[in-house]
Protein backbone atom coordinates (compact mmCIF):
# COMPACT_ATOMS: atom_id res chain seq x y z
CA UNK A 1 67.12 135.80 107.85
CA UNK A 2 64.95 135.26 110.91
CA UNK A 3 62.21 137.62 112.06
CA UNK A 4 59.36 138.19 114.54
CA UNK A 5 55.66 139.11 114.76
CA UNK A 6 52.98 139.74 117.25
CA UNK A 7 51.41 136.81 118.97
CA UNK A 8 48.25 135.19 117.55
CA UNK A 9 44.94 135.60 119.35
CA UNK A 10 45.40 132.43 121.39
CA UNK A 11 48.75 133.64 122.76
CA UNK A 12 49.35 136.28 125.43
CA UNK A 13 52.19 138.79 125.70
CA UNK A 14 54.15 138.45 128.94
CA UNK A 15 53.79 142.18 129.65
CA UNK A 16 50.31 143.67 129.94
CA UNK A 17 49.91 147.44 129.72
CA UNK A 18 46.75 149.57 129.90
CA UNK A 19 45.57 150.35 126.37
CA UNK A 20 44.17 153.79 125.68
CA UNK A 21 43.06 153.23 122.07
CA UNK A 22 42.59 150.24 119.82
CA UNK A 23 42.05 150.47 116.07
CA UNK A 24 41.59 147.40 113.89
CA UNK A 25 41.83 147.02 110.12
CA UNK A 26 39.76 144.05 109.00
CA UNK A 27 40.65 141.73 106.13
CA UNK A 28 43.79 140.06 104.82
CA UNK A 29 45.79 143.18 105.72
CA UNK A 30 44.39 143.01 109.25
CA UNK A 31 46.39 144.49 112.07
CA UNK A 32 45.60 146.13 115.35
CA UNK A 33 47.12 149.35 116.59
CA UNK A 34 47.61 149.43 120.35
CA UNK A 35 48.52 152.59 122.18
CA UNK A 36 49.50 152.37 125.85
CA UNK A 37 50.50 155.14 128.21
CA UNK A 38 53.78 153.44 129.13
CA UNK A 39 55.01 152.15 125.78
CA UNK A 40 53.45 154.40 123.14
CA UNK A 41 52.34 152.93 119.82
CA UNK A 42 52.41 149.20 119.02
CA UNK A 43 51.07 147.36 116.01
CA UNK A 44 49.70 143.83 116.17
CA UNK A 45 49.79 141.95 112.85
CA UNK A 46 47.93 138.77 111.97
CA UNK A 47 50.28 135.88 111.23
CA UNK A 48 49.75 132.48 109.64
CA UNK A 49 51.52 129.63 111.45
CA UNK A 50 51.83 126.22 109.75
CA UNK A 51 53.34 122.99 111.09
CA UNK A 52 55.91 121.51 108.68
CA UNK A 53 58.16 118.45 108.67
CA UNK A 54 61.06 120.68 109.81
CA UNK A 55 59.15 122.67 112.47
CA UNK A 56 56.96 125.70 111.80
CA UNK A 57 56.57 128.09 108.88
CA UNK A 58 55.11 131.53 109.62
CA UNK A 59 54.06 134.43 107.41
CA UNK A 60 52.38 137.81 107.72
CA UNK A 61 49.60 138.04 105.10
CA UNK A 62 49.41 141.84 105.48
CA UNK A 63 53.08 142.19 104.45
CA UNK A 64 53.64 140.30 101.17
CA UNK A 65 56.90 138.34 101.19
CA UNK A 66 57.32 138.64 104.96
CA UNK A 67 57.84 135.11 106.30
CA UNK A 68 60.11 133.08 108.55
CA UNK A 69 60.39 129.69 110.24
CA UNK A 70 61.46 128.03 113.46
CA UNK A 71 62.04 124.63 114.99
CA UNK A 72 59.28 125.31 117.54
CA UNK A 73 56.13 127.44 117.50
CA UNK A 74 57.68 129.92 119.95
CA UNK A 75 60.87 130.21 117.87
CA UNK A 76 58.85 130.78 114.68
CA UNK A 77 56.81 133.54 116.37
CA UNK A 78 59.97 135.23 117.68
CA UNK A 79 61.49 135.00 114.20
CA UNK A 80 58.47 136.52 112.44
CA UNK A 81 58.50 139.41 114.93
CA UNK A 82 62.05 140.21 113.79
CA UNK A 83 61.05 139.80 110.12
CA UNK A 84 58.16 142.25 110.48
CA UNK A 85 60.42 144.83 112.13
CA UNK A 86 63.01 144.44 109.36
CA UNK A 87 60.31 144.55 106.65
CA UNK A 88 58.86 147.81 108.04
CA UNK A 89 62.35 149.33 108.39
CA UNK A 90 63.05 148.52 104.72
CA UNK A 91 59.76 150.13 103.69
CA UNK A 92 60.64 153.27 105.68
CA UNK A 93 64.09 153.39 104.07
CA UNK A 94 62.59 153.07 100.59
CA UNK A 95 60.30 156.05 101.26
CA UNK A 96 63.08 158.34 102.46
CA UNK A 97 62.96 161.63 100.55
CA UNK A 98 59.43 161.06 99.20
CA UNK A 99 56.33 163.08 100.09
CA UNK A 100 54.88 160.55 102.57
CA UNK A 101 51.60 161.07 104.40
CA UNK A 102 49.43 159.01 106.71
CA UNK A 103 45.67 158.56 106.77
CA UNK A 104 43.39 157.51 109.62
CA UNK A 105 40.88 154.79 108.82
CA UNK A 106 37.74 154.97 110.97
CA UNK A 107 37.12 151.80 112.99
């Protein structure tokens, strides 16, 4: 299964939108929440990219077991983006029917 993630700090998204609020969670579970007027809510996860003999291995430390690979760095990043989306969809499915709440963490 291939997947995708948000681009690391040294990479830039092709589309730039004005951000109205940024919240960051620091640590191994680090991610950034971006809210833009045009696109609504986005989450930016930290990823770990490693060069291998076969190409690139990539994981998301904040989502245990969420990893992918690619022949090139760009392919690996695209694949981890898909993996993160699928991981979060599976989490949402597993919570269906439960009393689920959200908390805000001050930045």
